[in-house]
């Protein structure tokens, strides 16, 4: 591949053009000097022409050095910018890797949550059809909202049952207390009757003697 096809930077292309022109000028000058022959036989006009071409070559060489320094400076700047850009790319790549790892971690957490055997899934809720028959206003709810409503309904139902159980327990305790009191009263009555019978025995004996 030709150099012109490899170099696309305008500044470097200028340096290459100047280098080719200066080289060609130097070769032409060498050929001109060689064609002029020995120095002592060179005419004054030829010497002036050679001197003119030498001065022009020196001027072009100085210009070429300046272009070379400028190109070298631009190359250093480009290298520094490339290094900064590479560091930025490396930083962004590292952030991307971190985001990728974080994404994988979050996906794992989501999968773990989705596969987790939640306690609410084990609740003995009433069938969905029965719940919707009782609460038709939840027919259009999404899955989460519907589950929350079912759990809330189950909670309220259990609280109502628990309240009724406590009331029945109080009634039971009252009945037990009443029964105990009656038993105690009957026991006391039995004792009083026994005392009365014991007290009436002498009178009974007296009646038996007089009969």
Protein backbone atom coordinates (compact mmCIF):
# COMPACT_ATOMS: atom_id res chain seq x y z
CA UNK A 1 0.00 0.00 0.00
CA UNK A 2 1.38 3.44 -0.96
CA UNK A 3 2.37 5.95 1.70
CA UNK A 4 -0.24 8.41 0.43
CA UNK A 5 -2.93 5.81 1.06
CA UNK A 6 -1.68 5.17 4.62
CA UNK A 7 -1.34 8.83 5.65
CA UNK A 8 -4.66 10.65 5.86
CA UNK A 9 -3.74 13.52 8.18
CA UNK A 10 -3.54 16.83 6.21
CA UNK A 11 -0.50 18.07 8.16
CA UNK A 12 1.43 14.86 7.55
CA UNK A 13 0.44 14.93 3.89
CA UNK A 14 1.89 18.44 3.66
CA UNK A 15 5.14 17.23 5.24
CA UNK A 16 5.34 14.33 2.77
CA UNK A 17 4.72 16.61 -0.19
CA UNK A 18 7.35 19.07 1.00
CA UNK A 19 9.79 16.20 1.63
CA UNK A 20 9.27 14.79 -1.88
CA UNK A 21 9.67 18.23 -3.45
CA UNK A 22 12.81 19.00 -1.46
CA UNK A 23 14.30 15.60 -2.27
CA UNK A 24 13.59 16.07 -5.94
CA UNK A 25 15.07 19.56 -5.80
CA UNK A 26 18.25 18.16 -4.15
CA UNK A 27 18.53 15.44 -6.81
CA UNK A 28 18.03 18.01 -9.57
CA UNK A 29 20.73 20.21 -8.03
CA UNK A 30 23.13 17.28 -7.84
CA UNK A 31 22.44 16.44 -11.46
CA UNK A 32 22.90 20.09 -12.42
CA UNK A 33 26.24 20.30 -10.60
CA UNK A 34 27.38 17.03 -12.14
CA UNK A 35 26.40 18.20 -15.60
CA UNK A 36 28.26 21.50 -15.13
CA UNK A 37 31.58 19.65 -14.99
CA UNK A 38 34.73 20.64 -13.06
CA UNK A 39 34.45 23.72 -10.89
CA UNK A 40 37.17 25.66 -12.72
CA UNK A 41 35.34 25.26 -16.03
CA UNK A 42 31.89 26.30 -14.77
CA UNK A 43 30.65 29.58 -16.18
CA UNK A 44 29.65 32.50 -13.99
CA UNK A 45 26.03 32.22 -15.11
CA UNK A 46 25.94 28.52 -14.20
CA UNK A 47 27.48 29.25 -10.82
CA UNK A 48 24.85 31.87 -10.12
CA UNK A 49 22.13 29.45 -11.09
CA UNK A 50 23.60 26.71 -8.89
CA UNK A 51 23.96 29.17 -6.01
CA UNK A 52 20.35 30.26 -6.51
CA UNK A 53 19.15 26.67 -6.45
CA UNK A 54 21.25 25.95 -3.34
CA UNK A 55 19.69 28.89 -1.51
CA UNK A 56 16.25 27.75 -2.56
CA UNK A 57 17.08 24.21 -1.38
CA UNK A 58 18.29 25.54 1.97
CA UNK A 59 15.09 27.57 2.28
CA UNK A 60 12.98 24.52 1.47
CA UNK A 61 15.00 22.40 3.92
CA UNK A 62 14.36 24.97 6.64
CA UNK A 63 10.67 24.94 5.77
CA UNK A 64 10.72 21.14 5.82
CA UNK A 65 12.33 21.15 9.28
CA UNK A 66 9.62 23.50 10.49
CA UNK A 67 6.90 21.31 9.04
CA UNK A 68 8.57 18.28 10.58
CA UNK A 69 8.69 19.92 14.01
CA UNK A 70 5.05 20.97 13.70
CA UNK A 71 4.07 17.46 12.60
CA UNK A 72 6.06 15.97 15.47
CA UNK A 73 4.34 18.33 17.93
CA UNK A 74 0.92 17.46 16.46
CA UNK A 75 1.79 13.77 16.71
CA UNK A 76 2.67 14.20 20.40
CA UNK A 77 -0.60 16.02 20.99
CA UNK A 78 -2.50 13.34 19.10
CA UNK A 79 -0.73 10.66 21.12
CA UNK A 80 -1.65 12.42 24.37
CA UNK A 81 -5.26 12.81 23.22
CA UNK A 82 -5.31 9.17 22.17
CA UNK A 83 -3.96 8.16 25.57
CA UNK A 84 -6.63 10.24 27.31
CA UNK A 85 -9.30 8.81 25.04
CA UNK A 86 -8.02 5.27 25.73
CA UNK A 87 -8.14 5.93 29.48
CA UNK A 88 -11.69 7.23 29.12
CA UNK A 89 -12.64 4.16 27.08
CA UNK A 90 -11.03 1.92 29.73
CA UNK A 91 -12.94 3.75 32.45
CA UNK A 92 -16.22 3.44 30.58
CA UNK A 93 -15.47 -0.22 29.86
CA UNK A 94 -14.84 -0.82 33.56
CA UNK A 95 -18.10 0.94 34.43
CA UNK A 96 -19.87 -1.17 31.84
CA UNK A 97 -18.38 -4.33 33.35
CA UNK A 98 -19.47 -3.20 36.82
CA UNK A 99 -22.97 -2.49 35.52
CA UNK A 100 -23.00 -5.91 33.85
CA UNK A 101 -21.99 -7.63 37.09
CA UNK A 102 -24.54 -5.58 39.02
CA UNK A 103 -27.18 -6.53 36.44
CA UNK A 104 -26.33 -10.22 36.85
CA UNK A 105 -26.46 -9.84 40.64
CA UNK A 106 -29.86 -8.11 40.49
CA UNK A 107 -31.16 -10.74 38.06
CA UNK A 108 -30.05 -13.40 40.54
CA UNK A 109 -31.78 -11.57 43.38
CA UNK A 110 -34.95 -11.21 41.32
CA UNK A 111 -34.87 -14.90 40.42
CA UNK A 112 -34.35 -15.80 44.09
CA UNK A 113 -37.29 -13.61 45.10
CA UNK A 114 -39.49 -15.09 42.41
CA UNK A 115 -38.64 -18.65 43.44
CA UNK A 116 -38.84 -17.94 47.18
CA UNK A 117 -41.55 -19.88 48.97
CA UNK A 118 -43.32 -16.93 50.55
CA UNK A 119 -45.38 -17.53 53.67
CA UNK A 120 -48.45 -15.90 52.15
CA UNK A 121 -48.47 -18.60 49.47
CA UNK A 122 -49.12 -21.16 52.19
CA UNK A 123 -52.10 -19.29 53.69
CA UNK A 124 -55.36 -21.24 53.45
CA UNK A 125 -57.14 -18.52 51.47
CA UNK A 126 -60.59 -19.05 50.12
CA UNK A 127 -60.72 -19.89 46.38
CA UNK A 128 -60.33 -16.94 44.01
CA UNK A 129 -63.77 -17.47 42.49
CA UNK A 130 -65.40 -17.38 45.93
CA UNK A 131 -63.46 -14.25 46.88
CA UNK A 132 -64.47 -12.43 43.68
CA UNK A 133 -68.07 -13.44 44.29
CA UNK A 134 -67.82 -11.78 47.71
CA UNK A 135 -65.74 -8.82 46.50
CA UNK A 136 -66.60 -8.16 42.83
CA UNK A 137 -64.95 -4.72 43.00
CA UNK A 138 -61.55 -6.49 42.81
CA UNK A 139 -62.30 -8.31 39.55
CA UNK A 140 -60.08 -5.97 37.48
CA UNK A 141 -57.17 -5.76 39.95
CA UNK A 142 -53.69 -6.90 38.97
CA UNK A 143 -52.18 -10.01 40.54
CA UNK A 144 -50.37 -8.23 43.39
CA UNK A 145 -53.30 -5.99 44.31
CA UNK A 146 -55.66 -8.96 44.17
CA UNK A 147 -53.41 -11.04 46.45
CA UNK A 148 -53.17 -8.18 48.96
CA UNK A 149 -56.96 -7.84 48.95
CA UNK A 150 -57.39 -11.60 49.50
CA UNK A 151 -54.92 -11.57 52.38
CA UNK A 152 -56.63 -8.53 53.90
CA UNK A 153 -59.99 -10.28 53.59
CA UNK A 154 -58.57 -13.38 55.23
CA UNK A 155 -57.12 -11.25 58.04
CA UNK A 156 -60.41 -9.47 58.69
CA UNK A 157 -62.28 -12.79 58.63
CA UNK A 158 -59.84 -14.33 61.09
CA UNK A 159 -60.04 -11.32 63.35
CA UNK A 160 -63.83 -11.56 63.33
CA UNK A 161 -63.63 -15.29 64.10
CA UNK A 162 -61.12 -14.64 66.85
CA UNK A 163 -63.38 -11.99 68.36
CA UNK A 164 -66.32 -14.40 68.25
CA UNK A 165 -64.15 -17.14 69.77
CA UNK A 166 -63.19 -14.82 72.62
CA UNK A 167 -66.85 -13.96 73.20
CA UNK A 168 -67.79 -17.65 73.25
CA UNK A 169 -64.86 -18.33 75.57
CA UNK A 170 -66.14 -15.67 77.95
CA UNK A 171 -69.61 -17.21 77.78
CA UNK A 172 -68.12 -20.63 78.45
CA UNK A 173 -66.15 -19.35 81.43
CA UNK A 174 -69.29 -17.67 82.77
CA UNK A 175 -71.31 -20.89 82.36
CA UNK A 176 -68.55 -22.85 84.08
CA UNK A 177 -68.56 -20.34 86.91
CA UNK A 178 -72.37 -20.49 87.14
CA UNK A 179 -72.33 -24.30 87.14
CA UNK A 180 -69.67 -24.33 89.84
CA UNK A 181 -71.73 -21.95 91.92
CA UNK A 182 -74.79 -24.15 91.50
CA UNK A 183 -72.77 -27.22 92.47
CA UNK A 184 -71.46 -25.41 95.50
CA UNK A 185 -74.99 -24.29 96.39
CA UNK A 186 -76.28 -27.86 96.01
CA UNK A 187 -73.43 -29.17 98.12
CA UNK A 188 -74.21 -26.62 100.83
CA UNK A 189 -77.89 -27.54 100.63
CA UNK A 190 -77.00 -31.21 101.09
CA UNK A 191 -74.98 -30.34 104.19
CA UNK A 192 -77.83 -28.24 105.58
CA UNK A 193 -80.28 -31.11 104.94
CA UNK A 194 -77.95 -33.56 106.67
CA UNK A 195 -77.74 -31.22 109.65
CA UNK A 196 -81.49 -30.84 109.67
CA UNK A 197 -81.99 -34.62 109.54
CA UNK A 198 -79.44 -35.12 112.31
CA UNK A 199 -81.18 -32.49 114.43
CA UNK A 200 -84.59 -34.10 113.82
CA UNK A 201 -83.49 -37.62 114.87
CA UNK A 202 -84.21 -37.15 118.63
CA UNK A 203 -87.65 -35.82 117.80
CA UNK A 204 -88.21 -38.79 115.53
CA UNK A 205 -87.18 -41.18 118.30
CA UNK A 206 -89.57 -39.47 120.71
CA UNK A 207 -92.41 -39.88 118.27
CA UNK A 208 -91.48 -43.50 117.80
CA UNK A 209 -91.73 -44.15 121.58
CA UNK A 210 -95.12 -42.56 121.91
CA UNK A 211 -96.64 -44.49 119.04
